[in-house]
Amino acid sequence: MKGIILAAGKGTRLYPITKPICKPLLPLYDKPLLYYPLAVLMQAGIREILVIVPPDDQLPFEKLLGDGHSLGLSLSYREQKVQRGIADAFLVGEEFIGSDSVCLVLGDNVFYSPTLSAQLEQAGRSRSGGTVFGLPVEDPRPFGVVEFDQNGRAISIEEKPQNPKSNFIVPGLYFYDNQVVGIARHLTPSARGELEITSVNNAYLERGELSVIPLAPDTVWFDAGNADSLLQAGCAIREIQRESGRAVACPEQIAFEQGWIGREQLRAIGESLRMTHYGQYLLSL
């Protein structure tokens, strides 16, 4: 399975903060926002990753992550020339995906749970159909909302409904088999001119090939697309790290625990950041 991070949004809800810098490169507490979706893919065991970036913004991403070698990854980059919706990621990344299955994560989504790795690995093991996650929120109207039947089976997903049929949404993390490229290619743009990810999910649902897995009740999730959610996410991550003594979304630690890099390589990264709390944490592992 390959992974895609869709990090090409203009971040207009965060203007003027994001005028000089792309949103996924903003700090979220002690690390770049981009580290959080990257960590999700790594926790799912995915090592080949495409980062989709805005036009003319590839260099800062490469400066941050390079080709991924230091993390035991293979990273590549591609520009999304025109913003055409989330599902366009599969068309931008069609050559990268090839004949593989794929996991897409949005570049401004933050996930945390002590059991998240197990759920991600479970979803990643499926090689047929699609798998998404259900998460209860107070106001589901800005998202794709899942409707369940009396047996708890997903029967519809509606994009940004005014009258939601449940309070369960599909957050920005999606696992699909290789059919997704063909499905995306034949989508009709929505009224707002976008290729909607909800349309992809409903295509799988109509085929009886979509699984909706409820995330663990203790899952922390943020769509860090505006100033309030960015601040709330940062404060939440700080508290989790203080209470647990363990870093959230630390790519170097995940790579080490997955066996993709050795202790010597981990220590070298830590030494290069020794003057920071982040570097000292790496050296303590």
Protein backbone atom coordinates (compact mmCIF):
# COMPACT_ATOMS: atom_id res chain seq x y z
CA MET A 1 0.00 0.00 0.00
CA LYS A 2 1.14 3.51 -0.86
CA GLY A 3 0.31 6.74 0.91
CA ILE A 4 -0.65 10.23 -0.21
CA ILE A 5 -0.67 13.40 1.86
CA LEU A 6 -2.86 16.08 0.27
CA ALA A 7 -1.09 19.26 1.39
CA ALA A 8 -2.03 21.56 -1.49
CA GLY A 9 -4.66 23.77 0.13
CA LYS A 10 -4.21 27.54 0.06
CA GLY A 11 -5.19 27.86 3.71
CA THR A 12 -7.39 30.88 3.06
CA ARG A 13 -9.22 30.39 6.38
CA LEU A 14 -5.90 31.15 8.07
CA TYR A 15 -5.01 34.33 6.15
CA PRO A 16 -2.86 36.34 6.71
CA ILE A 17 -0.83 33.62 8.48
CA THR A 18 -0.68 31.41 5.41
CA LYS A 19 0.08 34.10 2.84
CA PRO A 20 3.86 33.56 3.11
CA ILE A 21 3.83 29.89 4.14
CA CYS A 22 1.81 26.83 3.15
CA LYS A 23 -0.61 25.66 5.89
CA PRO A 24 0.91 22.18 6.46
CA LEU A 25 4.25 23.84 7.25
CA LEU A 26 2.80 25.91 10.10
CA PRO A 27 3.82 24.88 13.63
CA LEU A 28 1.39 22.82 15.67
CA TYR A 29 2.88 22.95 19.16
CA ASP A 30 6.42 21.54 18.82
CA LYS A 31 6.46 20.25 15.24
CA PRO A 32 5.17 21.13 11.77
CA LEU A 33 1.52 20.36 11.09
CA LEU A 34 2.68 18.11 8.24
CA TYR A 35 4.26 15.69 10.73
CA TYR A 36 0.83 14.64 12.01
CA PRO A 37 -0.57 13.19 8.74
CA LEU A 38 2.89 11.80 7.95
CA ALA A 39 2.88 9.98 11.27
CA VAL A 40 -0.53 8.46 10.50
CA LEU A 41 0.78 6.89 7.29
CA MET A 42 3.90 5.66 9.07
CA GLN A 43 1.82 4.11 11.86
CA ALA A 44 -0.13 2.28 9.16
CA GLY A 45 3.17 0.75 8.00
CA ILE A 46 3.31 2.77 4.78
CA ARG A 47 6.77 3.73 3.51
CA GLU A 48 6.17 4.97 -0.05
CA ILE A 49 4.53 8.37 0.24
CA LEU A 50 3.57 11.11 -2.20
CA VAL A 51 3.13 14.65 -0.86
CA ILE A 52 0.86 16.75 -3.06
CA VAL A 53 1.82 20.40 -2.72
CA PRO A 54 0.62 23.77 -4.09
CA PRO A 55 2.17 25.19 -7.28
CA ASP A 56 5.67 26.62 -6.76
CA ASP A 57 5.76 25.49 -3.10
CA GLN A 58 7.64 22.21 -3.37
CA LEU A 59 11.02 23.46 -2.14
CA PRO A 60 10.04 24.14 1.51
CA PHE A 61 8.53 20.64 1.77
CA GLU A 62 11.70 19.09 0.39
CA LYS A 63 13.78 21.18 2.78
CA LEU A 64 11.76 19.80 5.69
CA LEU A 65 11.59 16.12 4.73
CA GLY A 66 13.92 15.53 1.79
CA ASP A 67 13.48 12.19 0.09
CA GLY A 68 12.56 10.48 3.37
CA HIS A 69 15.77 8.43 3.51
CA SER A 70 16.59 9.55 7.06
CA LEU A 71 13.25 8.08 8.20
CA GLY A 72 13.48 4.88 6.18
CA LEU A 73 10.86 6.24 3.77
CA SER A 74 10.62 6.96 0.06
CA LEU A 75 9.08 10.41 -0.35
CA SER A 76 8.16 12.12 -3.59
CA TYR A 77 6.36 15.34 -4.40
CA ARG A 78 3.90 16.52 -7.01
CA GLU A 79 2.11 19.81 -7.53
CA GLN A 80 -1.64 20.13 -7.74
CA LYS A 81 -1.84 22.81 -10.43
CA VAL A 82 -5.53 23.56 -9.90
CA GLN A 83 -7.50 22.82 -6.75
CA ARG A 84 -10.26 20.44 -7.81
CA GLY A 85 -11.22 18.76 -4.55
CA ILE A 86 -9.91 15.96 -2.37
CA ALA A 87 -10.65 13.17 -4.88
CA ASP A 88 -8.39 14.89 -7.42
CA ALA A 89 -5.47 13.58 -5.34
CA PHE A 90 -5.95 10.18 -6.98
CA LEU A 91 -5.65 11.70 -10.44
CA VAL A 92 -2.63 13.82 -9.52
CA GLY A 93 -1.09 10.72 -7.97
CA GLU A 94 -2.25 8.18 -10.56
CA GLU A 95 1.25 7.38 -11.82
CA PHE A 96 2.54 7.13 -8.25
CA ILE A 97 -0.26 4.77 -7.21
CA GLY A 98 0.27 2.47 -10.18
CA SER A 99 -1.40 -0.87 -9.51
CA ASP A 100 -1.29 -0.56 -5.70
CA SER A 101 -3.87 0.22 -3.05
CA VAL A 102 -3.58 3.63 -1.43
CA CYS A 103 -4.20 5.54 1.79
CA LEU A 104 -4.98 9.25 1.53
CA VAL A 105 -4.68 11.60 4.50
CA LEU A 106 -5.39 15.32 4.52
CA GLY A 107 -2.47 17.59 5.33
CA ASP A 108 -4.32 19.53 8.04
CA ASN A 109 -5.84 16.61 9.96
CA VAL A 110 -4.52 15.59 13.37
CA PHE A 111 -5.28 12.14 14.82
CA TYR A 112 -4.23 10.69 18.16
CA SER A 113 -5.23 7.65 20.17
CA PRO A 114 -3.17 5.11 22.13
CA THR A 115 -4.81 2.42 19.98
CA LEU A 116 -4.67 4.28 16.65
CA SER A 117 -1.78 2.22 15.26
CA ALA A 118 -3.76 -1.02 15.63
CA GLN A 119 -6.77 0.44 13.83
CA LEU A 120 -4.60 1.80 11.04
CA GLU A 121 -2.82 -1.51 10.59
CA GLN A 122 -6.21 -3.26 10.45
CA ALA A 123 -7.44 -0.90 7.73
CA GLY A 124 -4.16 -1.21 5.82
CA ARG A 125 -4.39 -5.00 5.69
CA SER A 126 -7.56 -4.84 3.58
CA ARG A 127 -6.72 -5.10 -0.10
CA SER A 128 -10.23 -4.88 -1.54
CA GLY A 129 -12.85 -2.14 -1.40
CA GLY A 130 -12.55 0.99 0.70
CA THR A 131 -12.23 1.66 4.42
CA VAL A 132 -12.98 4.94 6.14
CA PHE A 133 -13.55 5.89 9.75
CA GLY A 134 -16.53 7.23 11.64
CA LEU A 135 -16.10 9.85 14.34
CA PRO A 136 -18.83 11.57 16.41
CA VAL A 137 -18.64 15.39 16.54
CA GLU A 138 -20.84 18.11 18.01
CA ASP A 139 -21.56 19.81 14.69
CA PRO A 140 -21.26 17.45 11.71
CA ARG A 141 -22.63 19.89 9.11
CA PRO A 142 -19.25 21.00 7.65
CA PHE A 143 -18.22 17.41 6.91
CA GLY A 144 -19.23 14.21 5.17
CA VAL A 145 -21.89 12.68 7.43
CA VAL A 146 -22.53 8.93 7.73
CA GLU A 147 -26.04 7.53 8.03
CA PHE A 148 -26.34 4.11 9.70
CA ASP A 149 -29.16 1.58 9.68
CA GLN A 150 -30.52 -0.04 12.86
CA ASN A 151 -27.77 -2.67 12.68
CA GLY A 152 -25.01 -0.05 12.64
CA ARG A 153 -24.25 -0.54 8.94
CA ALA A 154 -23.41 2.56 6.89
CA ILE A 155 -26.11 3.18 4.26
CA SER A 156 -25.28 6.71 3.03
CA ILE A 157 -22.69 9.47 3.28
CA GLU A 158 -23.83 13.04 2.63
CA GLU A 159 -21.46 15.95 2.02
CA LYS A 160 -22.02 19.04 4.22
CA PRO A 161 -25.73 18.44 4.89
CA GLN A 162 -27.89 21.15 6.46
CA ASN A 163 -29.86 18.46 8.31
CA PRO A 164 -27.41 15.69 9.23
CA LYS A 165 -28.77 12.17 9.63
CA SER A 166 -26.27 11.42 12.38
CA ASN A 167 -23.45 13.13 14.24
CA PHE A 168 -20.85 10.75 12.77
CA ILE A 169 -18.51 12.21 10.18
CA VAL A 170 -15.77 10.77 7.98
CA PRO A 171 -12.51 12.53 8.96
CA GLY A 172 -9.70 13.06 6.45
CA LEU A 173 -8.25 9.55 6.31
CA TYR A 174 -9.22 7.07 3.59
CA PHE A 175 -8.02 3.59 2.54
CA TYR A 176 -8.90 2.31 -0.95
CA ASP A 177 -8.03 -0.46 -3.35
CA ASN A 178 -6.84 0.36 -6.86
CA GLN A 179 -10.39 0.89 -8.13
CA VAL A 180 -10.24 4.39 -6.66
CA VAL A 181 -8.31 5.81 -9.62
CA GLY A 182 -10.99 4.78 -12.09
CA ILE A 183 -13.76 5.98 -9.77
CA ALA A 184 -12.11 9.39 -9.40
CA ARG A 185 -11.58 9.66 -13.15
CA HIS A 186 -15.30 9.30 -13.81
CA LEU A 187 -16.60 11.64 -11.10
CA THR A 188 -18.76 14.60 -12.03
CA PRO A 189 -17.70 17.80 -10.25
CA SER A 190 -20.09 18.96 -7.54
CA ALA A 191 -21.98 22.25 -7.52
CA ARG A 192 -18.90 23.89 -6.05
CA GLY A 193 -16.78 22.56 -8.90
CA GLU A 194 -14.89 19.91 -6.89
CA LEU A 195 -14.33 16.17 -7.15
CA GLU A 196 -15.79 15.22 -3.78
CA ILE A 197 -14.32 12.48 -1.66
CA THR A 198 -17.85 11.73 -0.48
CA SER A 199 -18.70 10.80 -4.08
CA VAL A 200 -15.84 8.28 -4.01
CA ASN A 201 -17.11 6.83 -0.73
CA ASN A 202 -20.65 6.56 -2.04
CA ALA A 203 -19.39 4.79 -5.18
CA TYR A 204 -17.81 2.13 -2.96
CA LEU A 205 -20.92 2.08 -0.76
CA GLU A 206 -23.17 1.44 -3.76
CA ARG A 207 -20.96 -1.51 -4.70
CA GLY A 208 -21.21 -2.88 -1.17
CA GLU A 209 -17.45 -2.45 -0.79
CA LEU A 210 -17.10 0.28 1.83
CA SER A 211 -16.29 -0.38 5.48
CA VAL A 212 -16.88 2.37 8.03
CA ILE A 213 -14.90 1.68 11.21
CA PRO A 214 -15.76 3.73 14.33
CA LEU A 215 -12.63 5.26 15.79
CA ALA A 216 -11.87 4.50 19.44
CA PRO A 217 -13.85 6.70 21.88
CA ASP A 218 -10.63 8.26 23.19
CA THR A 219 -9.52 9.41 19.70
CA VAL A 220 -8.40 13.03 19.52
CA TRP A 221 -9.06 14.56 16.10
CA PHE A 222 -8.70 18.06 14.74
CA ASP A 223 -9.29 19.61 11.34
CA ALA A 224 -6.66 22.30 11.90
CA GLY A 225 -7.93 24.56 9.15
CA ASN A 226 -8.60 27.76 11.10
CA ALA A 227 -6.89 29.68 13.88
CA ASP A 228 -9.08 28.35 16.69
CA SER A 229 -8.72 24.68 15.73
CA LEU A 230 -4.96 25.11 15.18
CA LEU A 231 -4.60 26.55 18.69
CA GLN A 232 -6.88 23.94 20.26
CA ALA A 233 -4.97 21.14 18.56
CA GLY A 234 -1.64 22.52 19.77
CA CYS A 235 -2.89 22.79 23.35
CA ALA A 236 -4.30 19.25 23.21
CA ILE A 237 -1.03 17.81 21.91
CA ARG A 238 0.92 19.64 24.61
CA GLU A 239 -1.28 18.17 27.35
CA ILE A 240 -1.15 14.65 25.90
CA GLN A 241 2.64 14.78 25.71
CA ARG A 242 2.98 16.18 29.23
CA GLU A 243 0.70 13.55 30.73
CA SER A 244 2.04 10.57 28.78
CA GLY A 245 5.70 11.55 28.56
CA ARG A 246 5.56 10.38 24.95
CA ALA A 247 5.70 12.53 21.82
CA VAL A 248 2.71 12.57 19.49
CA ALA A 249 3.43 12.24 15.76
CA CYS A 250 7.21 11.98 16.09
CA PRO A 251 8.33 10.51 12.72
CA GLU A 252 11.81 9.63 13.96
CA GLN A 253 10.44 7.63 16.88
CA ILE A 254 7.90 5.84 14.70
CA ALA A 255 10.61 4.97 12.15
CA PHE A 256 12.80 3.60 14.94
CA GLU A 257 9.98 1.55 16.49
CA GLN A 258 9.01 0.19 13.07
CA GLY A 259 12.61 -0.95 12.55
CA TRP A 260 13.12 1.31 9.53
CA ILE A 261 16.08 3.13 11.11
CA GLY A 262 18.55 2.00 13.73
CA ARG A 263 19.48 3.52 17.08
CA GLU A 264 22.63 5.07 15.60
CA GLN A 265 20.61 6.90 12.95
CA LEU A 266 18.06 8.01 15.54
CA ARG A 267 20.83 9.32 17.77
CA ALA A 268 22.42 11.23 14.87
CA ILE A 269 19.14 13.04 14.24
CA GLY A 270 18.80 13.77 17.94
CA GLU A 271 22.34 15.16 18.11
CA SER A 272 21.60 17.52 15.22
CA LEU A 273 18.70 18.92 17.27
CA ARG A 274 20.34 18.66 20.69
CA MET A 275 19.68 22.34 21.50
CA THR A 276 15.91 21.74 21.32
CA HIS A 277 13.49 19.86 23.54
CA TYR A 278 12.56 17.78 20.49
CA GLY A 279 16.17 16.71 19.95
CA GLN A 280 16.62 15.90 23.63
CA TYR A 281 13.52 13.71 23.48
CA LEU A 282 14.98 11.76 20.57
CA LEU A 283 18.21 11.27 22.49
CA SER A 284 16.25 9.92 25.45
CA LEU A 285 14.65 7.10 23.46
